[in-house]
């Protein structure tokens, strides 16, 4: 089941959109039990479907560790996470743009 929040689509382990989605997936889940459970189930589905994805978990980081306005903010993990997100975008968006230009 996929659900919507703040105009972003989240894919859960039961997401019907996962089999038809061709876009690579990128996740930076925290290490909370809920996030870990979601990440493990979602990663298993993506792997089973042969999807391109990249997950990196942050031990010791809680929910919203990317958000500098929250008490859970972890600057080192957030910086590493943003660097990984931007590298993922450069890799996959540049590949898509080059394919369209060809």
N, C-alpha and C. Protein backbone atom coordinates (compact mmCIF):
# COMPACT_ATOMS: atom_id res chain seq x y z
N UNK A 1 0.84 -1.17 0.00
CA UNK A 1 0.00 0.00 0.00
C UNK A 1 0.89 1.23 0.00
N UNK A 2 0.63 2.14 -0.86
CA UNK A 2 1.35 3.42 -0.87
C UNK A 2 0.44 4.46 -0.25
N UNK A 3 1.00 5.41 0.41
CA UNK A 3 0.18 6.46 0.99
C UNK A 3 0.84 7.80 0.69
N UNK A 4 0.08 8.87 0.82
CA UNK A 4 0.58 10.20 0.50
C UNK A 4 0.61 11.06 1.75
N UNK A 5 1.65 11.86 1.83
CA UNK A 5 1.78 12.81 2.92
C UNK A 5 2.64 13.96 2.40
N UNK A 6 2.17 15.16 2.54
CA UNK A 6 2.92 16.35 2.12
C UNK A 6 3.35 16.27 0.66
N UNK A 7 2.48 15.79 -0.20
CA UNK A 7 2.73 15.70 -1.63
C UNK A 7 3.87 14.75 -1.99
N UNK A 8 4.33 13.94 -1.08
CA UNK A 8 5.36 12.95 -1.37
C UNK A 8 4.73 11.57 -1.29
N UNK A 9 5.10 10.69 -2.17
CA UNK A 9 4.56 9.33 -2.14
C UNK A 9 5.56 8.43 -1.43
N UNK A 10 5.08 7.69 -0.48
CA UNK A 10 5.90 6.74 0.25
C UNK A 10 5.51 5.34 -0.19
N UNK A 11 6.48 4.49 -0.38
CA UNK A 11 6.21 3.12 -0.79
C UNK A 11 6.43 2.23 0.42
N UNK A 12 5.43 1.45 0.75
CA UNK A 12 5.58 0.50 1.85
C UNK A 12 5.88 -0.87 1.25
N UNK A 13 6.14 -1.82 2.11
CA UNK A 13 6.45 -3.17 1.65
C UNK A 13 5.31 -3.77 0.85
N UNK A 14 4.09 -3.29 1.04
CA UNK A 14 2.94 -3.81 0.32
C UNK A 14 2.53 -2.91 -0.84
N UNK A 15 3.40 -1.98 -1.21
CA UNK A 15 3.03 -0.97 -2.21
C UNK A 15 2.70 -1.57 -3.56
N UNK A 16 1.48 -1.34 -4.06
CA UNK A 16 1.15 -1.84 -5.39
C UNK A 16 1.93 -1.10 -6.47
N UNK A 17 2.44 0.10 -6.17
CA UNK A 17 3.19 0.86 -7.17
C UNK A 17 4.59 0.30 -7.38
N UNK A 18 5.14 -0.41 -6.43
CA UNK A 18 6.51 -0.89 -6.53
C UNK A 18 6.77 -1.73 -7.79
N UNK A 19 5.90 -2.67 -8.17
CA UNK A 19 6.19 -3.47 -9.36
C UNK A 19 6.20 -2.65 -10.65
N UNK A 20 5.48 -1.53 -10.71
CA UNK A 20 5.39 -0.75 -11.93
C UNK A 20 6.31 0.45 -11.94
N UNK A 21 6.96 0.75 -10.84
CA UNK A 21 7.85 1.90 -10.75
C UNK A 21 9.19 1.55 -11.37
N UNK A 22 9.66 2.40 -12.27
CA UNK A 22 10.96 2.15 -12.89
C UNK A 22 12.05 3.06 -12.32
N UNK A 23 11.67 4.06 -11.56
CA UNK A 23 12.64 4.99 -10.99
C UNK A 23 13.44 4.33 -9.88
N UNK A 24 14.73 4.63 -9.79
CA UNK A 24 15.53 4.12 -8.68
C UNK A 24 15.01 4.66 -7.35
N UNK A 25 15.19 3.91 -6.28
CA UNK A 25 14.74 4.32 -4.96
C UNK A 25 15.94 4.62 -4.07
N UNK A 26 15.79 5.64 -3.24
CA UNK A 26 16.85 6.06 -2.34
C UNK A 26 16.22 6.27 -0.97
N UNK A 27 16.81 5.68 0.07
CA UNK A 27 16.27 5.85 1.42
C UNK A 27 17.41 6.02 2.40
N UNK A 28 17.18 6.84 3.40
CA UNK A 28 18.13 7.06 4.49
C UNK A 28 17.36 6.92 5.80
N UNK A 29 16.91 5.71 6.13
CA UNK A 29 16.11 5.55 7.34
C UNK A 29 16.94 5.65 8.62
N UNK A 30 16.30 6.11 9.66
CA UNK A 30 16.91 6.14 10.98
C UNK A 30 16.96 4.71 11.51
N UNK A 31 17.54 4.54 12.66
CA UNK A 31 17.70 3.20 13.21
C UNK A 31 16.65 2.85 14.26
N UNK A 32 15.56 3.62 14.31
CA UNK A 32 14.51 3.30 15.28
C UNK A 32 13.87 1.96 14.88
N UNK A 33 13.28 1.25 15.82
CA UNK A 33 12.66 -0.04 15.48
C UNK A 33 11.63 0.07 14.35
N UNK A 34 10.81 1.12 14.35
CA UNK A 34 9.80 1.28 13.30
C UNK A 34 10.47 1.51 11.95
N UNK A 35 11.44 2.40 11.90
CA UNK A 35 12.14 2.68 10.65
C UNK A 35 12.89 1.46 10.16
N UNK A 36 13.53 0.76 11.07
CA UNK A 36 14.29 -0.44 10.70
C UNK A 36 13.37 -1.50 10.11
N UNK A 37 12.19 -1.69 10.71
CA UNK A 37 11.22 -2.66 10.22
C UNK A 37 10.75 -2.26 8.83
N UNK A 38 10.38 -0.98 8.65
CA UNK A 38 9.95 -0.48 7.33
C UNK A 38 11.05 -0.69 6.30
N UNK A 39 12.28 -0.31 6.66
CA UNK A 39 13.40 -0.40 5.72
C UNK A 39 13.67 -1.85 5.33
N UNK A 40 13.65 -2.75 6.28
CA UNK A 40 13.91 -4.16 5.98
C UNK A 40 12.85 -4.73 5.05
N UNK A 41 11.58 -4.44 5.34
CA UNK A 41 10.49 -4.97 4.49
C UNK A 41 10.54 -4.35 3.10
N UNK A 42 10.72 -3.05 3.03
CA UNK A 42 10.74 -2.36 1.74
C UNK A 42 11.94 -2.80 0.91
N UNK A 43 13.10 -2.91 1.55
CA UNK A 43 14.29 -3.36 0.82
C UNK A 43 14.10 -4.77 0.29
N UNK A 44 13.48 -5.64 1.06
CA UNK A 44 13.22 -7.02 0.60
C UNK A 44 12.33 -7.02 -0.64
N UNK A 45 11.30 -6.17 -0.65
CA UNK A 45 10.40 -6.10 -1.81
C UNK A 45 11.16 -5.56 -3.02
N UNK A 46 11.91 -4.49 -2.85
CA UNK A 46 12.65 -3.92 -3.97
C UNK A 46 13.67 -4.92 -4.53
N UNK A 47 14.34 -5.62 -3.63
CA UNK A 47 15.32 -6.63 -4.06
C UNK A 47 14.62 -7.75 -4.82
N UNK A 48 13.51 -8.24 -4.29
CA UNK A 48 12.76 -9.33 -4.93
C UNK A 48 12.31 -8.93 -6.34
N UNK A 49 11.93 -7.66 -6.50
CA UNK A 49 11.45 -7.17 -7.79
C UNK A 49 12.58 -6.75 -8.73
N UNK A 50 13.82 -6.84 -8.26
CA UNK A 50 14.97 -6.48 -9.09
C UNK A 50 15.08 -4.99 -9.35
N UNK A 51 14.58 -4.18 -8.42
CA UNK A 51 14.61 -2.72 -8.58
C UNK A 51 15.98 -2.16 -8.21
N UNK A 52 16.31 -1.03 -8.80
CA UNK A 52 17.53 -0.30 -8.44
C UNK A 52 17.21 0.52 -7.20
N UNK A 53 18.00 0.34 -6.15
CA UNK A 53 17.74 1.08 -4.92
C UNK A 53 19.04 1.24 -4.15
N UNK A 54 19.02 2.17 -3.22
CA UNK A 54 20.15 2.38 -2.32
C UNK A 54 19.60 2.75 -0.96
N UNK A 55 19.93 1.97 0.03
CA UNK A 55 19.54 2.25 1.41
C UNK A 55 20.81 2.41 2.22
N UNK A 56 20.79 3.33 3.15
CA UNK A 56 21.87 3.45 4.12
C UNK A 56 21.23 3.78 5.45
N UNK A 57 21.46 2.92 6.43
CA UNK A 57 20.86 3.11 7.75
C UNK A 57 21.84 3.83 8.68
N UNK A 58 21.29 4.62 9.58
CA UNK A 58 22.10 5.39 10.52
C UNK A 58 21.83 4.94 11.94
N UNK A 59 22.72 4.12 12.47
CA UNK A 59 22.57 3.64 13.85
C UNK A 59 22.66 4.81 14.81
N UNK A 60 21.83 4.80 15.82
CA UNK A 60 21.83 5.85 16.83
C UNK A 60 21.05 7.10 16.44
N UNK A 61 20.58 7.15 15.22
CA UNK A 61 19.81 8.31 14.77
C UNK A 61 18.32 7.99 14.85
N UNK A 62 17.56 8.94 15.34
CA UNK A 62 16.12 8.75 15.43
C UNK A 62 15.39 9.41 14.28
N UNK A 63 14.07 9.35 14.33
CA UNK A 63 13.24 9.96 13.30
C UNK A 63 13.54 11.45 13.18
N UNK A 64 13.61 11.95 11.97
CA UNK A 64 13.84 13.37 11.66
C UNK A 64 15.27 13.81 11.96
N UNK A 65 16.22 12.89 11.90
CA UNK A 65 17.60 13.26 12.20
C UNK A 65 18.19 14.19 11.14
N UNK A 66 17.55 14.35 9.97
CA UNK A 66 17.98 15.29 8.94
C UNK A 66 17.52 16.71 9.24
N UNK A 67 16.55 16.88 10.10
CA UNK A 67 15.90 18.17 10.32
C UNK A 67 16.62 18.97 11.41
N UNK A 68 17.30 20.05 11.01
CA UNK A 68 18.09 20.87 11.94
C UNK A 68 17.22 21.57 12.98
N UNK A 69 15.93 21.68 12.75
CA UNK A 69 15.04 22.35 13.69
C UNK A 69 14.48 21.41 14.75
N UNK A 70 14.87 20.15 14.71
CA UNK A 70 14.32 19.16 15.65
C UNK A 70 15.39 18.72 16.65
N UNK A 71 14.99 18.33 17.85
CA UNK A 71 15.96 17.84 18.84
C UNK A 71 16.68 16.57 18.38
N UNK A 72 16.07 15.82 17.48
CA UNK A 72 16.67 14.56 17.00
C UNK A 72 17.76 14.79 15.96
N UNK A 73 18.00 16.04 15.58
CA UNK A 73 18.99 16.36 14.53
C UNK A 73 20.35 15.79 14.88
N UNK A 74 20.96 15.12 13.92
CA UNK A 74 22.31 14.56 14.05
C UNK A 74 23.14 15.14 12.91
N UNK A 75 23.93 16.19 13.17
CA UNK A 75 24.64 16.88 12.09
C UNK A 75 25.55 15.99 11.25
N UNK A 76 26.32 15.10 11.88
CA UNK A 76 27.24 14.26 11.11
C UNK A 76 26.48 13.29 10.21
N UNK A 77 25.46 12.64 10.77
CA UNK A 77 24.67 11.70 9.98
C UNK A 77 23.90 12.43 8.89
N UNK A 78 23.35 13.61 9.21
CA UNK A 78 22.60 14.38 8.23
C UNK A 78 23.50 14.81 7.07
N UNK A 79 24.69 15.29 7.36
CA UNK A 79 25.62 15.69 6.31
C UNK A 79 25.99 14.50 5.43
N UNK A 80 26.29 13.38 6.06
CA UNK A 80 26.60 12.18 5.29
C UNK A 80 25.40 11.76 4.44
N UNK A 81 24.22 11.81 5.03
CA UNK A 81 23.01 11.44 4.30
C UNK A 81 22.75 12.34 3.11
N UNK A 82 22.88 13.66 3.31
CA UNK A 82 22.67 14.58 2.19
C UNK A 82 23.70 14.35 1.10
N UNK A 83 24.96 14.13 1.48
CA UNK A 83 25.99 13.85 0.47
C UNK A 83 25.64 12.60 -0.33
N UNK A 84 25.14 11.57 0.34
CA UNK A 84 24.74 10.34 -0.34
C UNK A 84 23.51 10.55 -1.23
N UNK A 85 22.56 11.34 -0.76
CA UNK A 85 21.37 11.65 -1.57
C UNK A 85 21.77 12.39 -2.84
N UNK A 86 22.61 13.42 -2.71
CA UNK A 86 23.02 14.19 -3.88
C UNK A 86 23.85 13.35 -4.85
N UNK A 87 24.70 12.46 -4.32
CA UNK A 87 25.46 11.55 -5.19
C UNK A 87 24.51 10.61 -5.94
N UNK A 88 23.49 10.13 -5.25
CA UNK A 88 22.49 9.27 -5.87
C UNK A 88 21.77 10.02 -6.99
N UNK A 89 21.37 11.25 -6.73
CA UNK A 89 20.71 12.06 -7.76
C UNK A 89 21.63 12.29 -8.95
N UNK A 90 22.90 12.66 -8.68
CA UNK A 90 23.84 12.89 -9.79
C UNK A 90 23.97 11.64 -10.64
N UNK A 91 24.10 10.52 -10.00
CA UNK A 91 24.27 9.25 -10.73
C UNK A 91 23.04 8.92 -11.57
N UNK A 92 21.87 8.95 -10.96
CA UNK A 92 20.67 8.48 -11.65
C UNK A 92 20.02 9.54 -12.53
N UNK A 93 20.06 10.79 -12.12
CA UNK A 93 19.47 11.83 -12.96
C UNK A 93 20.36 12.12 -14.17
N UNK A 94 21.67 12.09 -13.98
CA UNK A 94 22.58 12.31 -15.10
C UNK A 94 22.45 11.18 -16.11
N UNK A 95 22.28 9.95 -15.64
CA UNK A 95 22.10 8.81 -16.53
C UNK A 95 20.83 8.97 -17.34
N UNK A 96 19.74 9.37 -16.69
CA UNK A 96 18.46 9.56 -17.39
C UNK A 96 18.55 10.70 -18.40
N UNK A 97 19.21 11.78 -18.03
CA UNK A 97 19.33 12.93 -18.93
C UNK A 97 20.18 12.55 -20.15
N UNK A 98 21.24 11.81 -19.94
CA UNK A 98 22.11 11.38 -21.05
C UNK A 98 21.35 10.44 -21.98
N UNK A 99 20.52 9.58 -21.43
CA UNK A 99 19.74 8.66 -22.26
C UNK A 99 18.73 9.42 -23.12
N UNK A 100 18.10 10.45 -22.55
CA UNK A 100 17.15 11.25 -23.32
C UNK A 100 17.83 12.06 -24.41
N UNK A 101 19.05 12.52 -24.15
CA UNK A 101 19.78 13.34 -25.11
C UNK A 101 20.30 12.51 -26.28
N UNK A 102 20.49 11.23 -26.05
CA UNK A 102 21.06 10.36 -27.09
C UNK A 102 20.09 10.05 -28.20
